Amino acid sequence: MQPRYHINVFWYPDDNCWIADVPDLRPCSAHGETPIEAVAEAEIAIESWLEVAREKGFPIPEPRYRPAIYAVR
């Protein structure tokens, strides 16, 4: 089973597009004209990131990122 990583999605006015960023996989992000398109592109980027990491023998990080609003005290 492939890990499920958190994806942050936000509007980036400088490029006039939506950005989907994967905090646990640096650098891993994508963009799109809509939030849905940005997330779809990020899912492709995640697969590619993991594929290259496996080919190179790099460690695969566990999903750890949680937005601050979900942090447990």
PDB file of N, CA and C in Angstrom:
ATOM      1  N   MET A   1       0.846  -1.183   0.000  1.00  0.00           N
ATOM      2  CA  MET A   1       0.000   0.000   0.000  1.00  0.00           C
ATOM      3  C   MET A   1       0.892   1.248   0.000  1.00  0.00           C
ATOM      4  N   GLN A   2       0.580   2.170  -0.862  1.00  0.00           N
ATOM      5  CA  GLN A   2       1.359   3.408  -0.969  1.00  0.00           C
ATOM      6  C   GLN A   2       0.962   4.371   0.137  1.00  0.00           C
ATOM      7  N   PRO A   3       1.955   5.045   0.754  1.00  0.00           N
ATOM      8  CA  PRO A   3       1.629   6.028   1.796  1.00  0.00           C
ATOM      9  C   PRO A   3       0.713   7.127   1.261  1.00  0.00           C
ATOM     10  N   ARG A   4      -0.083   7.694   2.142  1.00  0.00           N
ATOM     11  CA  ARG A   4      -0.971   8.804   1.782  1.00  0.00           C
ATOM     12  C   ARG A   4      -0.409  10.077   2.392  1.00  0.00           C
ATOM     13  N   TYR A   5       0.016  10.968   1.535  1.00  0.00           N
ATOM     14  CA  TYR A   5       0.636  12.204   1.975  1.00  0.00           C
ATOM     15  C   TYR A   5      -0.350  13.369   1.921  1.00  0.00           C
ATOM     16  N   HIS A   6      -0.201  14.269   2.883  1.00  0.00           N
ATOM     17  CA  HIS A   6      -1.019  15.473   2.928  1.00  0.00           C
ATOM     18  C   HIS A   6      -0.636  16.379   1.756  1.00  0.00           C
ATOM     19  N   ILE A   7      -1.621  17.027   1.158  1.00  0.00           N
ATOM     20  CA  ILE A   7      -1.389  17.974   0.068  1.00  0.00           C
ATOM     21  C   ILE A   7      -2.008  19.309   0.468  1.00  0.00           C
ATOM     22  N   ASN A   8      -1.177  20.350   0.532  1.00  0.00           N
ATOM     23  CA  ASN A   8      -1.663  21.716   0.753  1.00  0.00           C
ATOM     24  C   ASN A   8      -2.002  22.321  -0.594  1.00  0.00           C
ATOM     25  N   VAL A   9      -3.150  22.975  -0.691  1.00  0.00           N
ATOM     26  CA  VAL A   9      -3.552  23.628  -1.947  1.00  0.00           C
ATOM     27  C   VAL A   9      -3.810  25.096  -1.652  1.00  0.00           C
ATOM     28  N   PHE A  10      -3.211  25.960  -2.473  1.00  0.00           N
ATOM     29  CA  PHE A  10      -3.395  27.390  -2.273  1.00  0.00           C
ATOM     30  C   PHE A  10      -3.264  28.128  -3.601  1.00  0.00           C
ATOM     31  N   TRP A  11      -3.877  29.305  -3.649  1.00  0.00           N
ATOM     32  CA  TRP A  11      -3.813  30.164  -4.833  1.00  0.00           C
ATOM     33  C   TRP A  11      -2.513  30.945  -4.789  1.00  0.00           C
ATOM     34  N   TYR A  12      -1.807  30.986  -5.926  1.00  0.00           N
ATOM     35  CA  TYR A  12      -0.558  31.734  -6.025  1.00  0.00           C
ATOM     36  C   TYR A  12      -0.723  32.815  -7.086  1.00  0.00           C
ATOM     37  N   PRO A  13      -0.991  34.053  -6.639  1.00  0.00           N
ATOM     38  CA  PRO A  13      -1.314  35.117  -7.599  1.00  0.00           C
ATOM     39  C   PRO A  13      -0.163  35.479  -8.539  1.00  0.00           C
ATOM     40  N   ASP A  14       1.090  35.316  -8.107  1.00  0.00           N
ATOM     41  CA  ASP A  14       2.222  35.661  -8.977  1.00  0.00           C
ATOM     42  C   ASP A  14       2.210  34.856 -10.274  1.00  0.00           C
ATOM     43  N   ASP A  15       1.784  33.594 -10.188  1.00  0.00           N
ATOM     44  CA  ASP A  15       1.718  32.730 -11.376  1.00  0.00           C
ATOM     45  C   ASP A  15       0.291  32.531 -11.871  1.00  0.00           C
ATOM     46  N   ASN A  16      -0.680  33.117 -11.156  1.00  0.00           N
ATOM     47  CA  ASN A  16      -2.082  33.028 -11.542  1.00  0.00           C
ATOM     48  C   ASN A  16      -2.547  31.578 -11.676  1.00  0.00           C
ATOM     49  N   CYS A  17      -2.221  30.775 -10.641  1.00  0.00           N
ATOM     50  CA  CYS A  17      -2.612  29.358 -10.677  1.00  0.00           C
ATOM     51  C   CYS A  17      -2.714  28.815  -9.252  1.00  0.00           C
ATOM     52  N   TRP A  18      -3.269  27.616  -9.150  1.00  0.00           N
ATOM     53  CA  TRP A  18      -3.361  26.897  -7.888  1.00  0.00           C
ATOM     54  C   TRP A  18      -2.107  26.047  -7.722  1.00  0.00           C
ATOM     55  N   ILE A  19      -1.562  26.023  -6.512  1.00  0.00           N
ATOM     56  CA  ILE A  19      -0.386  25.225  -6.188  1.00  0.00           C
ATOM     57  C   ILE A  19      -0.813  24.112  -5.238  1.00  0.00           C
ATOM     58  N   ALA A  20      -0.311  22.918  -5.484  1.00  0.00           N
ATOM     59  CA  ALA A  20      -0.506  21.777  -4.586  1.00  0.00           C
ATOM     60  C   ALA A  20       0.875  21.353  -4.113  1.00  0.00           C
ATOM     61  N   ASP A  21       1.111  21.487  -2.826  1.00  0.00           N
ATOM     62  CA  ASP A  21       2.421  21.237  -2.225  1.00  0.00           C
ATOM     63  C   ASP A  21       2.332  20.022  -1.305  1.00  0.00           C
ATOM     64  N   VAL A  22       3.368  19.169  -1.334  1.00  0.00           N
ATOM     65  CA  VAL A  22       3.406  17.962  -0.501  1.00  0.00           C
ATOM     66  C   VAL A  22       4.520  18.153   0.534  1.00  0.00           C
ATOM     67  N   PRO A  23       4.167  18.601   1.749  1.00  0.00           N
ATOM     68  CA  PRO A  23       5.191  18.958   2.737  1.00  0.00           C
ATOM     69  C   PRO A  23       6.143  17.822   3.128  1.00  0.00           C
ATOM     70  N   ASP A  24       5.670  16.587   3.140  1.00  0.00           N
ATOM     71  CA  ASP A  24       6.526  15.465   3.548  1.00  0.00           C
ATOM     72  C   ASP A  24       7.541  15.067   2.490  1.00  0.00           C
ATOM     73  N   LEU A  25       7.338  15.484   1.256  1.00  0.00           N
ATOM     74  CA  LEU A  25       8.240  15.118   0.163  1.00  0.00           C
ATOM     75  C   LEU A  25       8.840  16.395  -0.412  1.00  0.00           C
ATOM     76  N   ARG A  26      10.053  16.701  -0.027  1.00  0.00           N
ATOM     77  CA  ARG A  26      10.705  17.923  -0.499  1.00  0.00           C
ATOM     78  C   ARG A  26      11.676  17.604  -1.605  1.00  0.00           C
ATOM     79  N   PRO A  27      11.687  18.316  -2.686  1.00  0.00           N
ATOM     80  CA  PRO A  27      10.640  19.212  -3.151  1.00  0.00           C
ATOM     81  C   PRO A  27       9.626  18.442  -3.972  1.00  0.00           C
ATOM     82  N   CYS A  28       8.372  18.603  -3.663  1.00  0.00           N
ATOM     83  CA  CYS A  28       7.317  17.940  -4.435  1.00  0.00           C
ATOM     84  C   CYS A  28       6.098  18.852  -4.441  1.00  0.00           C
ATOM     85  N   SER A  29       5.781  19.369  -5.617  1.00  0.00           N
ATOM     86  CA  SER A  29       4.616  20.226  -5.762  1.00  0.00           C
ATOM     87  C   SER A  29       4.166  20.197  -7.215  1.00  0.00           C
ATOM     88  N   ALA A  30       3.004  20.766  -7.447  1.00  0.00           N
ATOM     89  CA  ALA A  30       2.448  20.828  -8.800  1.00  0.00           C
ATOM     90  C   ALA A  30       1.522  22.037  -8.857  1.00  0.00           C
ATOM     91  N   HIS A  31       1.036  22.330 -10.043  1.00  0.00           N
ATOM     92  CA  HIS A  31       0.116  23.456 -10.185  1.00  0.00           C
ATOM     93  C   HIS A  31      -0.977  23.099 -11.185  1.00  0.00           C
ATOM     94  N   GLY A  32      -2.040  23.930 -11.169  1.00  0.00           N
ATOM     95  CA  GLY A  32      -3.138  23.721 -12.101  1.00  0.00           C
ATOM     96  C   GLY A  32      -4.030  24.940 -12.161  1.00  0.00           C
ATOM     97  N   GLU A  33      -4.919  24.933 -13.136  1.00  0.00           N
ATOM     98  CA  GLU A  33      -5.853  26.053 -13.291  1.00  0.00           C
ATOM     99  C   GLU A  33      -6.976  26.011 -12.259  1.00  0.00           C
ATOM    100  N   THR A  34      -7.221  24.837 -11.680  1.00  0.00           N
ATOM    101  CA  THR A  34      -8.219  24.675 -10.626  1.00  0.00           C
ATOM    102  C   THR A  34      -7.574  23.908  -9.476  1.00  0.00           C
ATOM    103  N   PRO A  35      -8.159  23.976  -8.273  1.00  0.00           N
ATOM    104  CA  PRO A  35      -7.616  23.182  -7.171  1.00  0.00           C
ATOM    105  C   PRO A  35      -7.623  21.686  -7.487  1.00  0.00           C
ATOM    106  N   ILE A  36      -8.672  21.212  -8.141  1.00  0.00           N
ATOM    107  CA  ILE A  36      -8.772  19.788  -8.474  1.00  0.00           C
ATOM    108  C   ILE A  36      -7.660  19.379  -9.432  1.00  0.00           C
ATOM    109  N   GLU A  37      -7.400  20.221 -10.427  1.00  0.00           N
ATOM    110  CA  GLU A  37      -6.333  19.930 -11.376  1.00  0.00           C
ATOM    111  C   GLU A  37      -4.971  19.930 -10.671  1.00  0.00           C
ATOM    112  N   ALA A  38      -4.759  20.869  -9.759  1.00  0.00           N
ATOM    113  CA  ALA A  38      -3.490  20.935  -9.029  1.00  0.00           C
ATOM    114  C   ALA A  38      -3.276  19.675  -8.187  1.00  0.00           C
ATOM    115  N   VAL A  39      -4.320  19.199  -7.519  1.00  0.00           N
ATOM    116  CA  VAL A  39      -4.208  17.979  -6.712  1.00  0.00           C
ATOM    117  C   VAL A  39      -3.943  16.766  -7.608  1.00  0.00           C
ATOM    118  N   ALA A  40      -4.621  16.672  -8.731  1.00  0.00           N
ATOM    119  CA  ALA A  40      -4.385  15.559  -9.658  1.00  0.00           C
ATOM    120  C   ALA A  40      -2.933  15.550 -10.129  1.00  0.00           C
ATOM    121  N   GLU A  41      -2.405  16.730 -10.436  1.00  0.00           N
ATOM    122  CA  GLU A  41      -1.008  16.823 -10.860  1.00  0.00           C
ATOM    123  C   GLU A  41      -0.068  16.482  -9.704  1.00  0.00           C
ATOM    124  N   ALA A  42      -0.433  16.866  -8.480  1.00  0.00           N
ATOM    125  CA  ALA A  42       0.386  16.538  -7.311  1.00  0.00           C
ATOM    126  C   ALA A  42       0.428  15.035  -7.078  1.00  0.00           C
ATOM    127  N   GLU A  43      -0.673  14.348  -7.313  1.00  0.00           N
ATOM    128  CA  GLU A  43      -0.685  12.891  -7.156  1.00  0.00           C
ATOM    129  C   GLU A  43       0.278  12.232  -8.143  1.00  0.00           C
ATOM    130  N   ILE A  44       0.361  12.765  -9.349  1.00  0.00           N
ATOM    131  CA  ILE A  44       1.329  12.265 -10.328  1.00  0.00           C
ATOM    132  C   ILE A  44       2.746  12.570  -9.847  1.00  0.00           C
ATOM    133  N   ALA A  45       2.950  13.780  -9.321  1.00  0.00           N
ATOM    134  CA  ALA A  45       4.266  14.163  -8.813  1.00  0.00           C
ATOM    135  C   ALA A  45       4.698  13.273  -7.648  1.00  0.00           C
ATOM    136  N   ILE A  46       3.760  12.910  -6.774  1.00  0.00           N
ATOM    137  CA  ILE A  46       4.068  12.019  -5.652  1.00  0.00           C
ATOM    138  C   ILE A  46       4.540  10.663  -6.182  1.00  0.00           C
ATOM    139  N   GLU A  47       3.798  10.104  -7.121  1.00  0.00           N
ATOM    140  CA  GLU A  47       4.188   8.814  -7.699  1.00  0.00           C
ATOM    141  C   GLU A  47       5.581   8.885  -8.308  1.00  0.00           C
ATOM    142  N   SER A  48       5.865   9.955  -9.036  1.00  0.00           N
ATOM    143  CA  SER A  48       7.176  10.122  -9.661  1.00  0.00           C
ATOM    144  C   SER A  48       8.265  10.288  -8.609  1.00  0.00           C
ATOM    145  N   TRP A  49       7.995  11.075  -7.579  1.00  0.00           N
ATOM    146  CA  TRP A  49       8.956  11.293  -6.502  1.00  0.00           C
ATOM    147  C   TRP A  49       9.318   9.969  -5.851  1.00  0.00           C
ATOM    148  N   LEU A  50       8.294   9.174  -5.519  1.00  0.00           N
ATOM    149  CA  LEU A  50       8.532   7.886  -4.862  1.00  0.00           C
ATOM    150  C   LEU A  50       9.271   6.919  -5.780  1.00  0.00           C
ATOM    151  N   GLU A  51       8.939   6.917  -7.054  1.00  0.00           N
ATOM    152  CA  GLU A  51       9.603   6.040  -8.019  1.00  0.00           C
ATOM    153  C   GLU A  51      11.099   6.352  -8.094  1.00  0.00           C
ATOM    154  N   VAL A  52      11.433   7.618  -8.199  1.00  0.00           N
ATOM    155  CA  VAL A  52      12.850   8.008  -8.269  1.00  0.00           C
ATOM    156  C   VAL A  52      13.560   7.667  -6.960  1.00  0.00           C
ATOM    157  N   ALA A  53      12.914   7.928  -5.835  1.00  0.00           N
ATOM    158  CA  ALA A  53      13.527   7.611  -4.541  1.00  0.00           C
ATOM    159  C   ALA A  53      13.830   6.113  -4.437  1.00  0.00           C
ATOM    160  N   ARG A  54      12.903   5.277  -4.878  1.00  0.00           N
ATOM    161  CA  ARG A  54      13.132   3.821  -4.837  1.00  0.00           C
ATOM    162  C   ARG A  54      14.273   3.415  -5.767  1.00  0.00           C
ATOM    163  N   GLU A  55      14.293   3.985  -6.976  1.00  0.00           N
ATOM    164  CA  GLU A  55      15.352   3.666  -7.939  1.00  0.00           C
ATOM    165  C   GLU A  55      16.727   4.044  -7.410  1.00  0.00           C
ATOM    166  N   LYS A  56      16.807   5.176  -6.697  1.00  0.00           N
ATOM    167  CA  LYS A  56      18.087   5.675  -6.183  1.00  0.00           C
ATOM    168  C   LYS A  56      18.431   5.106  -4.809  1.00  0.00           C
ATOM    169  N   GLY A  57      17.493   4.357  -4.224  1.00  0.00           N
ATOM    170  CA  GLY A  57      17.731   3.792  -2.898  1.00  0.00           C
ATOM    171  C   GLY A  57      17.592   4.802  -1.766  1.00  0.00           C
ATOM    172  N   PHE A  58      16.870   5.900  -2.021  1.00  0.00           N
ATOM    173  CA  PHE A  58      16.659   6.909  -0.990  1.00  0.00           C
ATOM    174  C   PHE A  58      15.546   6.450  -0.047  1.00  0.00           C
ATOM    175  N   PRO A  59      15.592   6.877   1.214  1.00  0.00           N
ATOM    176  CA  PRO A  59      14.520   6.499   2.144  1.00  0.00           C
ATOM    177  C   PRO A  59      13.190   7.143   1.747  1.00  0.00           C
ATOM    178  N   ILE A  60      12.124   6.416   1.979  1.00  0.00           N
ATOM    179  CA  ILE A  60      10.768   6.910   1.723  1.00  0.00           C
ATOM    180  C   ILE A  60      10.217   7.425   3.056  1.00  0.00           C
ATOM    181  N   PRO A  61       9.966   8.722   3.164  1.00  0.00           N
ATOM    182  CA  PRO A  61       9.469   9.250   4.439  1.00  0.00           C
ATOM    183  C   PRO A  61       8.039   8.802   4.735  1.00  0.00           C
ATOM    184  N   GLU A  62       7.798   8.579   6.007  1.00  0.00           N
ATOM    185  CA  GLU A  62       6.434   8.283   6.454  1.00  0.00           C
ATOM    186  C   GLU A  62       5.630   9.584   6.414  1.00  0.00           C
ATOM    187  N   PRO A  63       4.344   9.493   6.097  1.00  0.00           N
ATOM    188  CA  PRO A  63       3.507  10.697   6.153  1.00  0.00           C
ATOM    189  C   PRO A  63       3.430  11.197   7.598  1.00  0.00           C
ATOM    190  N   ARG A  64       3.870  12.415   7.847  1.00  0.00           N
ATOM    191  CA  ARG A  64       3.877  12.975   9.200  1.00  0.00           C
ATOM    192  C   ARG A  64       3.183  14.323   9.291  1.00  0.00           C
ATOM    193  N   TYR A  65       3.129  15.052   8.188  1.00  0.00           N
ATOM    194  CA  TYR A  65       2.618  16.415   8.231  1.00  0.00           C
ATOM    195  C   TYR A  65       1.146  16.440   8.635  1.00  0.00           C
ATOM    196  N   ARG A  66       0.827  17.330   9.549  1.00  0.00           N
ATOM    197  CA  ARG A  66      -0.559  17.597   9.937  1.00  0.00           C
ATOM    198  C   ARG A  66      -0.722  19.103  10.027  1.00  0.00           C
ATOM    199  N   PRO A  67      -1.755  19.667   9.423  1.00  0.00           N
ATOM    200  CA  PRO A  67      -1.983  21.110   9.563  1.00  0.00           C
ATOM    201  C   PRO A  67      -2.101  21.484  11.040  1.00  0.00           C
ATOM    202  N   ALA A  68      -1.697  22.684  11.377  1.00  0.00           N
ATOM    203  CA  ALA A  68      -1.701  23.134  12.758  1.00  0.00           C
ATOM    204  C   ALA A  68      -3.063  23.007  13.428  1.00  0.00           C
ATOM    205  N   ILE A  69      -4.135  23.167  12.659  1.00  0.00           N
ATOM    206  CA  ILE A  69      -5.467  23.104  13.272  1.00  0.00           C
ATOM    207  C   ILE A  69      -5.803  21.701  13.773  1.00  0.00           C
ATOM    208  N   TYR A  70      -5.025  20.678  13.348  1.00  0.00           N
ATOM    209  CA  TYR A  70      -5.263  19.311  13.805  1.00  0.00           C
ATOM    210  C   TYR A  70      -4.222  18.829  14.801  1.00  0.00           C
ATOM    211  N   ALA A  71      -3.300  19.697  15.172  1.00  0.00           N
ATOM    212  CA  ALA A  71      -2.231  19.317  16.104  1.00  0.00           C
ATOM    213  C   ALA A  71      -2.839  19.007  17.471  1.00  0.00           C
ATOM    214  N   VAL A  72      -2.330  17.935  18.077  1.00  0.00           N
ATOM    215  CA  VAL A  72      -2.770  17.548  19.423  1.00  0.00           C
ATOM    216  C   VAL A  72      -1.817  18.166  20.427  1.00  0.00           C
ATOM    217  N   ARG A  73      -2.370  18.741  21.448  1.00  0.00           N
ATOM    218  CA  ARG A  73      -1.517  19.361  22.484  1.00  0.00           C
ATOM    219  C   ARG A  73      -0.915  18.331  23.376  1.00  0.00           C
TER     220      ARG A  73
END
